[in-house]
Amino acid sequence: MNNRILPKLRRLLPLAPALLLPGCTLDVLDPRGPVGMTERNIIVIEALVMLAIVLPVIGLTLYYAWTYRESNTKAEYLPNWDHSTKIEIFVWGAPAVIILVLGGLSLWSTYALDPYRRLTTTATADAAPQKPLNVEVVSLDWKWLFIYPDQGIATINQLAIPVNTPVNFRITSDAVMTSFFIPRLGSMIYSMAGMQTQLHLMASEAGDYQGEAAHYSGRGFSDMKFRTLAMPGNEFNAWVDKIKATSDTLDSADYPKIAAPQEAAPVQYFAHVQPGLFDGIVAKYNNGTVIDKSTGKVMHMQSAMSDMQMKE
């Protein structure tokens, strides 16, 4: 009995991974912010447009295979047939239309979802437009440093943002190139040493969302994740006060210890951050200079850069 059943069960082994799928979630298709929502809609629209050609082709393939099978003696037999204008129009016309539609959608989304494009909120009868939150992000080996310049605090591997508030990210790296990605909020962008990239996101719902490095960066890459805590404004203010009540500080003297390679780094809070630390990290790779993105002027950060390099 077993000799007959086991060979049949072995044939089903390739399907075993499908049993794990009910426990999986695809965050990109379950967005919690306007940028992520737009990207999700574009993915769905593009999939439907492509299915508009894929499904008819599959259907016609099955139709012709059945209609012109050898056993169907009623099918028309044309051994010298070599051309059909109708078929040519369909074969070349349908893909051309799809390319135009997808090309137009891609052109529009390139500008509409430009990561450097700032987000805004509109005033309502009950509330004024929300002031953007500025966050400076530094990717390290293998953790994320988040600096809140306006609040004067910083964290390791935990990002908190108020809901319905635009977040302006400035992103750089003090290690190898990697990428910054919060799937449920939207766009991914690279983090590179000596450079500043920008990203503008917003959470429309409170929640705990995973952030990650989406570009392989070495041994500790698999644990280079962080939590994004989207919360109401009053809870965010309480979170800031909680961090300010801690004792750790972060300046150019302490920074090299924080930047040292570390796998599966725990969450860490800093009650005070040295002003200009982010610019100093960028300047390390640019002979002590950094461009002020708001004015376009070149700033010299030689002293801060030298302090950090001497401690490394």
C-alpha atoms as a PDB file:
ATOM      1  CA  MET A   1       0.000   0.000   0.000  1.00  0.00           C
ATOM      2  CA  ASN A   2       2.704   2.476   1.033  1.00  0.00           C
ATOM      3  CA  ASN A   3       4.695   1.611  -2.068  1.00  0.00           C
ATOM      4  CA  ARG A   4       1.845   2.912  -4.200  1.00  0.00           C
ATOM      5  CA  ILE A   5       1.030   6.025  -2.138  1.00  0.00           C
ATOM      6  CA  LEU A   6       4.517   7.425  -1.546  1.00  0.00           C
ATOM      7  CA  PRO A   7       5.393   7.942  -5.236  1.00  0.00           C
ATOM      8  CA  LYS A   8       2.146   9.889  -5.666  1.00  0.00           C
ATOM      9  CA  LEU A   9       2.893  12.079  -2.627  1.00  0.00           C
ATOM     10  CA  ARG A  10       6.362  12.851  -3.971  1.00  0.00           C
ATOM     11  CA  ARG A  11       4.790  14.370  -7.068  1.00  0.00           C
ATOM     12  CA  LEU A  12       2.994  16.889  -4.817  1.00  0.00           C
ATOM     13  CA  LEU A  13       6.158  18.065  -3.029  1.00  0.00           C
ATOM     14  CA  PRO A  14       6.732  21.034  -5.420  1.00  0.00           C
ATOM     15  CA  LEU A  15       3.365  22.391  -4.255  1.00  0.00           C
ATOM     16  CA  ALA A  16       4.276  22.276  -0.554  1.00  0.00           C
ATOM     17  CA  PRO A  17       5.599  25.894  -0.382  1.00  0.00           C
ATOM     18  CA  ALA A  18       2.115  27.089  -1.389  1.00  0.00           C
ATOM     19  CA  LEU A  19       0.882  25.985   2.047  1.00  0.00           C
ATOM     20  CA  LEU A  20       2.976  28.764   3.576  1.00  0.00           C
ATOM     21  CA  LEU A  21       1.428  31.546   1.487  1.00  0.00           C
ATOM     22  CA  PRO A  22      -1.643  32.182   3.720  1.00  0.00           C
ATOM     23  CA  GLY A  23       0.742  33.545   6.372  1.00  0.00           C
ATOM     24  CA  CYS A  24       2.412  35.988   3.971  1.00  0.00           C
ATOM     25  CA  THR A  25       1.541  39.623   3.402  1.00  0.00           C
ATOM     26  CA  LEU A  26       2.612  41.785   0.489  1.00  0.00           C
ATOM     27  CA  ASP A  27       3.042  45.215   2.049  1.00  0.00           C
ATOM     28  CA  VAL A  28       3.396  46.994  -1.287  1.00  0.00           C
ATOM     29  CA  LEU A  29      -0.197  46.010  -2.134  1.00  0.00           C
ATOM     30  CA  ASP A  30      -1.501  47.034   1.310  1.00  0.00           C
ATOM     31  CA  PRO A  31      -0.382  50.688   1.550  1.00  0.00           C
ATOM     32  CA  ARG A  32      -0.931  53.087   4.433  1.00  0.00           C
ATOM     33  CA  GLY A  33      -0.005  56.371   2.803  1.00  0.00           C
ATOM     34  CA  PRO A  34      -0.788  58.465  -0.308  1.00  0.00           C
ATOM     35  CA  VAL A  35       2.474  57.641  -2.088  1.00  0.00           C
ATOM     36  CA  GLY A  36       2.113  53.921  -1.451  1.00  0.00           C
ATOM     37  CA  MET A  37      -1.550  54.062  -2.475  1.00  0.00           C
ATOM     38  CA  THR A  38      -0.712  55.672  -5.823  1.00  0.00           C
ATOM     39  CA  GLU A  39       2.052  53.133  -6.459  1.00  0.00           C
ATOM     40  CA  ARG A  40      -0.318  50.268  -5.616  1.00  0.00           C
ATOM     41  CA  ASN A  41      -2.912  51.624  -8.051  1.00  0.00           C
ATOM     42  CA  ILE A  42      -0.312  51.906 -10.807  1.00  0.00           C
ATOM     43  CA  ILE A  43       0.775  48.292 -10.265  1.00  0.00           C
ATOM     44  CA  VAL A  44      -2.837  47.096 -10.467  1.00  0.00           C
ATOM     45  CA  ILE A  45      -3.605  49.172 -13.583  1.00  0.00           C
ATOM     46  CA  GLU A  46      -0.458  47.970 -15.359  1.00  0.00           C
ATOM     47  CA  ALA A  47      -1.274  44.354 -14.493  1.00  0.00           C
ATOM     48  CA  LEU A  48      -4.800  44.729 -15.890  1.00  0.00           C
ATOM     49  CA  VAL A  49      -3.515  46.372 -19.070  1.00  0.00           C
ATOM     50  CA  MET A  50      -1.069  43.525 -19.650  1.00  0.00           C
ATOM     51  CA  LEU A  51      -3.745  40.933 -18.902  1.00  0.00           C
ATOM     52  CA  ALA A  52      -5.826  42.547 -21.669  1.00  0.00           C
ATOM     53  CA  ILE A  53      -3.421  40.975 -24.161  1.00  0.00           C
ATOM     54  CA  VAL A  54      -2.280  37.939 -22.176  1.00  0.00           C
ATOM     55  CA  LEU A  55      -5.761  36.500 -21.547  1.00  0.00           C
ATOM     56  CA  PRO A  56      -6.970  36.769 -25.193  1.00  0.00           C
ATOM     57  CA  VAL A  57      -3.734  35.147 -26.394  1.00  0.00           C
ATOM     58  CA  ILE A  58      -4.157  32.266 -23.958  1.00  0.00           C
ATOM     59  CA  GLY A  59      -7.813  31.891 -24.967  1.00  0.00           C
ATOM     60  CA  LEU A  60      -7.077  31.976 -28.705  1.00  0.00           C
ATOM     61  CA  THR A  61      -4.229  29.486 -28.269  1.00  0.00           C
ATOM     62  CA  LEU A  62      -6.589  27.021 -26.618  1.00  0.00           C
ATOM     63  CA  TYR A  63      -9.288  27.754 -29.211  1.00  0.00           C
ATOM     64  CA  TYR A  64      -7.018  27.098 -32.196  1.00  0.00           C
ATOM     65  CA  ALA A  65      -5.493  24.007 -30.592  1.00  0.00           C
ATOM     66  CA  TRP A  66      -8.973  22.569 -30.107  1.00  0.00           C
ATOM     67  CA  THR A  67     -10.523  23.728 -33.388  1.00  0.00           C
ATOM     68  CA  TYR A  68      -7.687  22.570 -35.618  1.00  0.00           C
ATOM     69  CA  ARG A  69      -6.854  19.335 -33.851  1.00  0.00           C
ATOM     70  CA  GLU A  70      -6.198  16.371 -36.102  1.00  0.00           C
ATOM     71  CA  SER A  71      -9.400  14.570 -35.150  1.00  0.00           C
ATOM     72  CA  ASN A  72     -11.649  17.516 -36.144  1.00  0.00           C
ATOM     73  CA  THR A  73     -12.457  16.696 -39.761  1.00  0.00           C
ATOM     74  CA  LYS A  74     -14.859  19.654 -40.027  1.00  0.00           C
ATOM     75  CA  ALA A  75     -12.102  22.246 -39.556  1.00  0.00           C
ATOM     76  CA  GLU A  76     -11.150  24.222 -42.679  1.00  0.00           C
ATOM     77  CA  TYR A  77      -7.943  22.948 -44.226  1.00  0.00           C
ATOM     78  CA  LEU A  78      -5.840  25.550 -46.086  1.00  0.00           C
ATOM     79  CA  PRO A  79      -2.368  24.122 -46.752  1.00  0.00           C
ATOM     80  CA  ASN A  80      -1.308  27.113 -48.911  1.00  0.00           C
ATOM     81  CA  TRP A  81      -2.528  29.849 -46.552  1.00  0.00           C
ATOM     82  CA  ASP A  82       0.217  32.339 -45.612  1.00  0.00           C
ATOM     83  CA  HIS A  83      -1.290  35.739 -44.735  1.00  0.00           C
ATOM     84  CA  SER A  84      -4.189  37.396 -42.885  1.00  0.00           C
ATOM     85  CA  THR A  85      -4.545  41.165 -42.630  1.00  0.00           C
ATOM     86  CA  LYS A  86      -6.839  40.833 -39.606  1.00  0.00           C
ATOM     87  CA  ILE A  87      -4.289  38.748 -37.747  1.00  0.00           C
ATOM     88  CA  GLU A  88      -1.479  41.175 -38.650  1.00  0.00           C
ATOM     89  CA  ILE A  89      -3.495  44.123 -37.315  1.00  0.00           C
ATOM     90  CA  PHE A  90      -4.149  42.286 -34.047  1.00  0.00           C
ATOM     91  CA  VAL A  91      -0.572  40.994 -33.654  1.00  0.00           C
ATOM     92  CA  TRP A  92       1.017  44.416 -34.187  1.00  0.00           C
ATOM     93  CA  GLY A  93      -1.783  46.769 -33.167  1.00  0.00           C
ATOM     94  CA  ALA A  94      -2.625  45.401 -29.727  1.00  0.00           C
ATOM     95  CA  PRO A  95       0.985  45.509 -28.418  1.00  0.00           C
ATOM     96  CA  ALA A  96       1.409  49.016 -29.852  1.00  0.00           C
ATOM     97  CA  VAL A  97      -1.661  50.250 -27.964  1.00  0.00           C
ATOM     98  CA  ILE A  98      -0.472  48.609 -24.753  1.00  0.00           C
ATOM     99  CA  ILE A  99       2.988  50.171 -25.097  1.00  0.00           C
ATOM    100  CA  LEU A 100       1.413  53.607 -25.576  1.00  0.00           C
ATOM    101  CA  VAL A 101      -0.813  53.160 -22.517  1.00  0.00           C
ATOM    102  CA  LEU A 102       1.991  51.858 -20.295  1.00  0.00           C
ATOM    103  CA  GLY A 103       4.397  54.492 -21.618  1.00  0.00           C
ATOM    104  CA  GLY A 104       1.938  57.283 -20.844  1.00  0.00           C
ATOM    105  CA  LEU A 105       1.321  55.895 -17.362  1.00  0.00           C
ATOM    106  CA  SER A 106       5.055  55.612 -16.715  1.00  0.00           C
ATOM    107  CA  LEU A 107       5.655  59.177 -17.918  1.00  0.00           C
ATOM    108  CA  TRP A 108       2.938  60.544 -15.642  1.00  0.00           C
ATOM    109  CA  SER A 109       4.032  58.543 -12.598  1.00  0.00           C
ATOM    110  CA  THR A 110       7.682  59.559 -13.061  1.00  0.00           C
ATOM    111  CA  TYR A 111       6.734  63.154 -12.309  1.00  0.00           C
ATOM    112  CA  ALA A 112       3.808  62.541  -9.955  1.00  0.00           C
ATOM    113  CA  LEU A 113       5.876  60.213  -7.736  1.00  0.00           C
ATOM    114  CA  ASP A 114       9.198  62.048  -7.918  1.00  0.00           C
ATOM    115  CA  PRO A 115      10.779  61.235  -4.510  1.00  0.00           C
ATOM    116  CA  TYR A 116      12.167  64.786  -4.352  1.00  0.00           C
ATOM    117  CA  ARG A 117       8.689  66.280  -4.719  1.00  0.00           C
ATOM    118  CA  ARG A 118       7.453  67.649  -1.403  1.00  0.00           C
ATOM    119  CA  LEU A 119       4.094  66.540  -0.025  1.00  0.00           C
ATOM    120  CA  THR A 120       1.572  68.993   1.343  1.00  0.00           C
ATOM    121  CA  THR A 121      -1.645  68.812   3.313  1.00  0.00           C
ATOM    122  CA  THR A 122      -4.641  71.048   2.816  1.00  0.00           C
ATOM    123  CA  ALA A 123      -6.340  73.091   5.480  1.00  0.00           C
ATOM    124  CA  THR A 124      -9.758  71.979   6.700  1.00  0.00           C
ATOM    125  CA  ALA A 125     -12.452  73.609   8.776  1.00  0.00           C
ATOM    126  CA  ASP A 126     -11.079  71.849  11.842  1.00  0.00           C
ATOM    127  CA  ALA A 127      -7.330  72.034  11.297  1.00  0.00           C
ATOM    128  CA  ALA A 128      -4.577  74.005   9.614  1.00  0.00           C
ATOM    129  CA  PRO A 129      -2.104  72.370   7.178  1.00  0.00           C
ATOM    130  CA  GLN A 130       0.371  70.146   8.987  1.00  0.00           C
ATOM    131  CA  LYS A 131       3.931  71.396   9.239  1.00  0.00           C
ATOM    132  CA  PRO A 132       6.357  68.850   7.683  1.00  0.00           C
ATOM    133  CA  LEU A 133       8.585  66.754   9.921  1.00  0.00           C
ATOM    134  CA  ASN A 134      12.286  66.739   9.020  1.00  0.00           C
ATOM    135  CA  VAL A 135      14.237  63.508   9.508  1.00  0.00           C
ATOM    136  CA  GLU A 136      17.886  62.867   8.623  1.00  0.00           C
ATOM    137  CA  VAL A 137      18.695  59.222   7.897  1.00  0.00           C
ATOM    138  CA  VAL A 138      22.148  57.611   7.989  1.00  0.00           C
ATOM    139  CA  SER A 139      22.619  53.996   6.917  1.00  0.00           C
ATOM    140  CA  LEU A 140      25.376  52.201   8.808  1.00  0.00           C
ATOM    141  CA  ASP A 141      26.705  48.643   9.012  1.00  0.00           C
ATOM    142  CA  TRP A 142      24.054  47.216   9.716  1.00  0.00           C
ATOM    143  CA  LYS A 143      21.593  49.594  11.283  1.00  0.00           C
ATOM    144  CA  TRP A 144      19.769  52.854  10.694  1.00  0.00           C
ATOM    145  CA  LEU A 145      20.409  56.147  12.468  1.00  0.00           C
ATOM    146  CA  PHE A 146      17.489  58.601  12.481  1.00  0.00           C
ATOM    147  CA  ILE A 147      18.202  62.209  13.460  1.00  0.00           C
ATOM    148  CA  TYR A 148      15.377  64.665  14.217  1.00  0.00           C
ATOM    149  CA  PRO A 149      17.143  68.032  13.772  1.00  0.00           C
ATOM    150  CA  ASP A 150      14.169  70.161  14.847  1.00  0.00           C
ATOM    151  CA  GLN A 151      13.571  68.095  18.006  1.00  0.00           C
ATOM    152  CA  GLY A 152      17.295  67.601  18.726  1.00  0.00           C
ATOM    153  CA  ILE A 153      16.977  63.824  19.260  1.00  0.00           C
ATOM    154  CA  ALA A 154      18.055  60.655  17.464  1.00  0.00           C
ATOM    155  CA  THR A 155      17.266  56.936  17.425  1.00  0.00           C
ATOM    156  CA  ILE A 156      18.732  53.696  16.197  1.00  0.00           C
ATOM    157  CA  ASN A 157      16.401  51.333  14.295  1.00  0.00           C
ATOM    158  CA  GLN A 158      13.182  53.092  15.250  1.00  0.00           C
ATOM    159  CA  LEU A 159      11.403  55.788  13.271  1.00  0.00           C
ATOM    160  CA  ALA A 160       8.370  57.584  14.666  1.00  0.00           C
ATOM    161  CA  ILE A 161       6.190  59.918  12.609  1.00  0.00           C
ATOM    162  CA  PRO A 162       2.841  61.641  13.196  1.00  0.00           C
ATOM    163  CA  VAL A 163       0.005  60.562  10.897  1.00  0.00           C
ATOM    164  CA  ASN A 164      -1.226  62.859   8.129  1.00  0.00           C
ATOM    165  CA  THR A 165       2.006  64.836   8.367  1.00  0.00           C
ATOM    166  CA  PRO A 166       4.465  65.149   5.453  1.00  0.00           C
ATOM    167  CA  VAL A 167       7.884  63.747   6.318  1.00  0.00           C
ATOM    168  CA  ASN A 168      10.946  65.210   4.591  1.00  0.00           C
ATOM    169  CA  PHE A 169      13.818  62.724   4.615  1.00  0.00           C
ATOM    170  CA  ARG A 170      17.452  63.547   3.903  1.00  0.00           C
ATOM    171  CA  ILE A 171      19.339  60.299   3.446  1.00  0.00           C
ATOM    172  CA  THR A 172      23.030  59.417   3.300  1.00  0.00           C
ATOM    173  CA  SER A 173      25.325  56.507   4.129  1.00  0.00           C
ATOM    174  CA  ASP A 174      28.389  56.155   6.299  1.00  0.00           C
ATOM    175  CA  ALA A 175      29.042  52.679   4.959  1.00  0.00           C
ATOM    176  CA  VAL A 176      28.436  50.911   1.654  1.00  0.00           C
ATOM    177  CA  MET A 177      25.573  51.873  -0.647  1.00  0.00           C
ATOM    178  CA  THR A 178      22.198  50.524   0.376  1.00  0.00           C
ATOM    179  CA  SER A 179      18.556  51.572  -0.003  1.00  0.00           C
ATOM    180  CA  PHE A 180      15.889  52.971   2.290  1.00  0.00           C
ATOM    181  CA  PHE A 181      12.423  51.445   1.961  1.00  0.00           C
ATOM    182  CA  ILE A 182       9.174  51.453   3.959  1.00  0.00           C
ATOM    183  CA  PRO A 183       6.951  49.256   1.740  1.00  0.00           C
ATOM    184  CA  ARG A 184       3.600  50.388   3.153  1.00  0.00           C
ATOM    185  CA  LEU A 185       4.429  54.072   2.802  1.00  0.00           C
ATOM    186  CA  GLY A 186       5.982  54.053  -0.648  1.00  0.00           C
ATOM    187  CA  SER A 187       9.046  54.816  -2.706  1.00  0.00           C
ATOM    188  CA  MET A 188      12.460  53.257  -2.181  1.00  0.00           C
ATOM    189  CA  ILE A 189      15.574  55.403  -2.646  1.00  0.00           C
ATOM    190  CA  TYR A 190      19.302  54.743  -2.423  1.00  0.00           C
ATOM    191  CA  SER A 191      21.573  55.780   0.410  1.00  0.00           C
ATOM    192  CA  MET A 192      25.135  56.589  -0.696  1.00  0.00           C
ATOM    193  CA  ALA A 193      28.228  57.845   1.129  1.00  0.00           C
ATOM    194  CA  GLY A 194      29.046  61.482   0.469  1.00  0.00           C
ATOM    195  CA  MET A 195      25.680  62.114  -1.169  1.00  0.00           C
ATOM    196  CA  GLN A 196      22.289  63.336   0.006  1.00  0.00           C
ATOM    197  CA  THR A 197      19.156  61.807  -1.439  1.00  0.00           C
ATOM    198  CA  GLN A 198      15.685  63.008  -0.574  1.00  0.00           C
ATOM    199  CA  LEU A 199      12.394  61.245  -0.014  1.00  0.00           C
ATOM    200  CA  HIS A 200       8.979  62.597   0.948  1.00  0.00           C
ATOM    201  CA  LEU A 201       6.399  60.277   2.494  1.00  0.00           C
ATOM    202  CA  MET A 202       3.305  60.458   4.654  1.00  0.00           C
ATOM    203  CA  ALA A 203       1.341  57.940   6.732  1.00  0.00           C
ATOM    204  CA  SER A 204      -2.424  58.235   6.507  1.00  0.00           C
ATOM    205  CA  GLU A 205      -3.131  55.641   9.224  1.00  0.00           C
ATOM    206  CA  ALA A 206      -1.592  54.877  12.587  1.00  0.00           C
ATOM    207  CA  GLY A 207       0.336  51.626  12.723  1.00  0.00           C
ATOM    208  CA  ASP A 208       3.611  49.778  13.125  1.00  0.00           C
ATOM    209  CA  TYR A 209       5.223  49.372   9.705  1.00  0.00           C
ATOM    210  CA  GLN A 210       8.421  47.583   8.786  1.00  0.00           C
ATOM    211  CA  GLY A 211      11.277  49.467   7.170  1.00  0.00           C
ATOM    212  CA  GLU A 212      14.257  47.783   5.627  1.00  0.00           C
ATOM    213  CA  ALA A 213      17.414  47.963   3.586  1.00  0.00           C
ATOM    214  CA  ALA A 214      16.394  46.708   0.159  1.00  0.00           C
ATOM    215  CA  HIS A 215      19.919  46.471  -1.260  1.00  0.00           C
ATOM    216  CA  TYR A 216      22.424  43.816  -0.162  1.00  0.00           C
ATOM    217  CA  SER A 217      25.111  45.394   2.003  1.00  0.00           C
ATOM    218  CA  GLY A 218      27.081  42.576   3.575  1.00  0.00           C
ATOM    219  CA  ARG A 219      27.000  40.070   6.415  1.00  0.00           C
ATOM    220  CA  GLY A 220      24.375  41.777   8.590  1.00  0.00           C
ATOM    221  CA  PHE A 221      22.023  42.732   5.745  1.00  0.00           C
ATOM    222  CA  SER A 222      19.210  40.349   6.743  1.00  0.00           C
ATOM    223  CA  ASP A 223      18.848  42.057  10.150  1.00  0.00           C
ATOM    224  CA  MET A 224      19.101  45.634   8.835  1.00  0.00           C
ATOM    225  CA  LYS A 225      15.472  46.454   9.573  1.00  0.00           C
ATOM    226  CA  PHE A 226      13.663  49.092  11.579  1.00  0.00           C
ATOM    227  CA  ARG A 227      10.142  49.803  12.836  1.00  0.00           C
ATOM    228  CA  THR A 228       8.171  52.808  11.623  1.00  0.00           C
ATOM    229  CA  LEU A 229       5.691  53.940  14.274  1.00  0.00           C
ATOM    230  CA  ALA A 230       2.955  56.110  12.784  1.00  0.00           C
ATOM    231  CA  MET A 231       0.942  57.727  15.556  1.00  0.00           C
ATOM    232  CA  PRO A 232      -1.360  60.682  16.311  1.00  0.00           C
ATOM    233  CA  GLY A 233       0.348  64.024  16.892  1.00  0.00           C
ATOM    234  CA  ASN A 234      -0.098  64.018  20.666  1.00  0.00           C
ATOM    235  CA  GLU A 235       1.398  60.524  20.946  1.00  0.00           C
ATOM    236  CA  PHE A 236       4.336  61.592  18.774  1.00  0.00           C
ATOM    237  CA  ASN A 237       5.000  64.553  21.095  1.00  0.00           C
ATOM    238  CA  ALA A 238       4.907  62.176  24.054  1.00  0.00           C
ATOM    239  CA  TRP A 239       7.361  59.885  22.259  1.00  0.00           C
ATOM    240  CA  VAL A 240       9.736  62.826  21.728  1.00  0.00           C
ATOM    241  CA  ASP A 241       9.466  63.790  25.401  1.00  0.00           C
ATOM    242  CA  LYS A 242      10.222  60.196  26.411  1.00  0.00           C
ATOM    243  CA  ILE A 243      13.433  60.235  24.395  1.00  0.00           C
ATOM    244  CA  LYS A 244      14.463  63.626  25.773  1.00  0.00           C
ATOM    245  CA  ALA A 245      14.118  62.158  29.254  1.00  0.00           C
ATOM    246  CA  THR A 246      16.822  59.539  28.548  1.00  0.00           C
ATOM    247  CA  SER A 247      20.509  60.085  29.322  1.00  0.00           C
ATOM    248  CA  ASP A 248      22.418  59.127  26.148  1.00  0.00           C
ATOM    249  CA  THR A 249      23.727  61.853  23.854  1.00  0.00           C
ATOM    250  CA  LEU A 250      25.263  61.746  20.378  1.00  0.00           C
ATOM    251  CA  ASP A 251      28.086  63.998  19.207  1.00  0.00           C
ATOM    252  CA  SER A 252      31.160  63.705  16.981  1.00  0.00           C
ATOM    253  CA  ALA A 253      33.121  62.092  19.838  1.00  0.00           C
ATOM    254  CA  ASP A 254      30.506  59.384  20.478  1.00  0.00           C
ATOM    255  CA  TYR A 255      29.492  58.866  16.869  1.00  0.00           C
ATOM    256  CA  PRO A 256      32.331  56.476  15.816  1.00  0.00           C
ATOM    257  CA  LYS A 257      31.233  54.012  18.507  1.00  0.00           C
ATOM    258  CA  ILE A 258      27.640  54.195  17.273  1.00  0.00           C
ATOM    259  CA  ALA A 259      28.763  53.817  13.640  1.00  0.00           C
ATOM    260  CA  ALA A 260      30.836  50.691  14.310  1.00  0.00           C
ATOM    261  CA  PRO A 261      29.522  47.563  12.500  1.00  0.00           C
ATOM    262  CA  GLN A 262      26.851  45.757  14.486  1.00  0.00           C
ATOM    263  CA  GLU A 263      24.427  42.998  13.540  1.00  0.00           C
ATOM    264  CA  ALA A 264      20.821  42.915  14.796  1.00  0.00           C
ATOM    265  CA  ALA A 265      21.330  46.226  16.603  1.00  0.00           C
ATOM    266  CA  PRO A 266      18.749  46.991  19.311  1.00  0.00           C
ATOM    267  CA  VAL A 267      16.677  50.160  19.424  1.00  0.00           C
ATOM    268  CA  GLN A 268      18.576  53.001  21.045  1.00  0.00           C
ATOM    269  CA  TYR A 269      17.571  56.571  21.964  1.00  0.00           C
ATOM    270  CA  PHE A 270      19.646  59.755  22.188  1.00  0.00           C
ATOM    271  CA  ALA A 271      18.268  62.683  24.181  1.00  0.00           C
ATOM    272  CA  HIS A 272      20.557  65.211  22.507  1.00  0.00           C
ATOM    273  CA  VAL A 273      22.283  65.284  19.113  1.00  0.00           C
ATOM    274  CA  GLN A 274      25.127  67.569  18.098  1.00  0.00           C
ATOM    275  CA  PRO A 275      23.781  70.081  15.542  1.00  0.00           C
ATOM    276  CA  GLY A 276      25.173  69.546  12.053  1.00  0.00           C
ATOM    277  CA  LEU A 277      26.138  65.919  12.686  1.00  0.00           C
ATOM    278  CA  PHE A 278      24.406  64.736   9.495  1.00  0.00           C
ATOM    279  CA  ASP A 279      26.202  67.363   7.401  1.00  0.00           C
ATOM    280  CA  GLY A 280      29.482  66.351   9.011  1.00  0.00           C
ATOM    281  CA  ILE A 281      28.927  62.721   7.992  1.00  0.00           C
ATOM    282  CA  VAL A 282      28.294  63.779   4.383  1.00  0.00           C
ATOM    283  CA  ALA A 283      31.306  66.118   4.437  1.00  0.00           C
ATOM    284  CA  LYS A 284      33.663  63.277   5.445  1.00  0.00           C
ATOM    285  CA  TYR A 285      33.549  62.064   1.847  1.00  0.00           C
ATOM    286  CA  ASN A 286      33.714  65.518   0.205  1.00  0.00           C
ATOM    287  CA  ASN A 287      36.905  67.057   1.594  1.00  0.00           C
ATOM    288  CA  GLY A 288      35.014  68.634   4.456  1.00  0.00           C
ATOM    289  CA  THR A 289      32.325  70.351   2.406  1.00  0.00           C
ATOM    290  CA  VAL A 290      28.601  69.792   2.043  1.00  0.00           C
ATOM    291  CA  ILE A 291      25.906  71.510  -0.026  1.00  0.00           C
ATOM    292  CA  ASP A 292      23.065  73.118   1.882  1.00  0.00           C
ATOM    293  CA  LYS A 293      20.039  71.768  -0.004  1.00  0.00           C
ATOM    294  CA  SER A 294      17.820  74.673   1.057  1.00  0.00           C
ATOM    295  CA  THR A 295      20.143  77.416  -0.251  1.00  0.00           C
ATOM    296  CA  GLY A 296      22.467  75.605  -2.661  1.00  0.00           C
ATOM    297  CA  LYS A 297      25.502  77.045  -0.887  1.00  0.00           C
ATOM    298  CA  VAL A 298      28.647  75.053  -0.090  1.00  0.00           C
ATOM    299  CA  MET A 299      29.348  74.759   3.634  1.00  0.00           C
ATOM    300  CA  HIS A 300      32.693  73.819   5.178  1.00  0.00           C
ATOM    301  CA  MET A 301      32.465  71.202   7.917  1.00  0.00           C
ATOM    302  CA  GLN A 302      36.174  70.475   8.321  1.00  0.00           C
ATOM    303  CA  SER A 303      36.254  70.524  12.120  1.00  0.00           C
ATOM    304  CA  ALA A 304      33.335  68.133  12.591  1.00  0.00           C
ATOM    305  CA  MET A 305      34.705  65.838   9.907  1.00  0.00           C
ATOM    306  CA  SER A 306      38.167  65.810  11.493  1.00  0.00           C
ATOM    307  CA  ASP A 307      36.739  65.000  14.935  1.00  0.00           C
ATOM    308  CA  MET A 308      34.860  61.979  13.597  1.00  0.00           C
ATOM    309  CA  GLN A 309      37.798  60.705  11.549  1.00  0.00           C
ATOM    310  CA  MET A 310      40.218  60.966  14.462  1.00  0.00           C
ATOM    311  CA  LYS A 311      37.908  58.863  16.639  1.00  0.00           C
ATOM    312  CA  GLU A 312      37.455  56.097  14.036  1.00  0.00           C
END
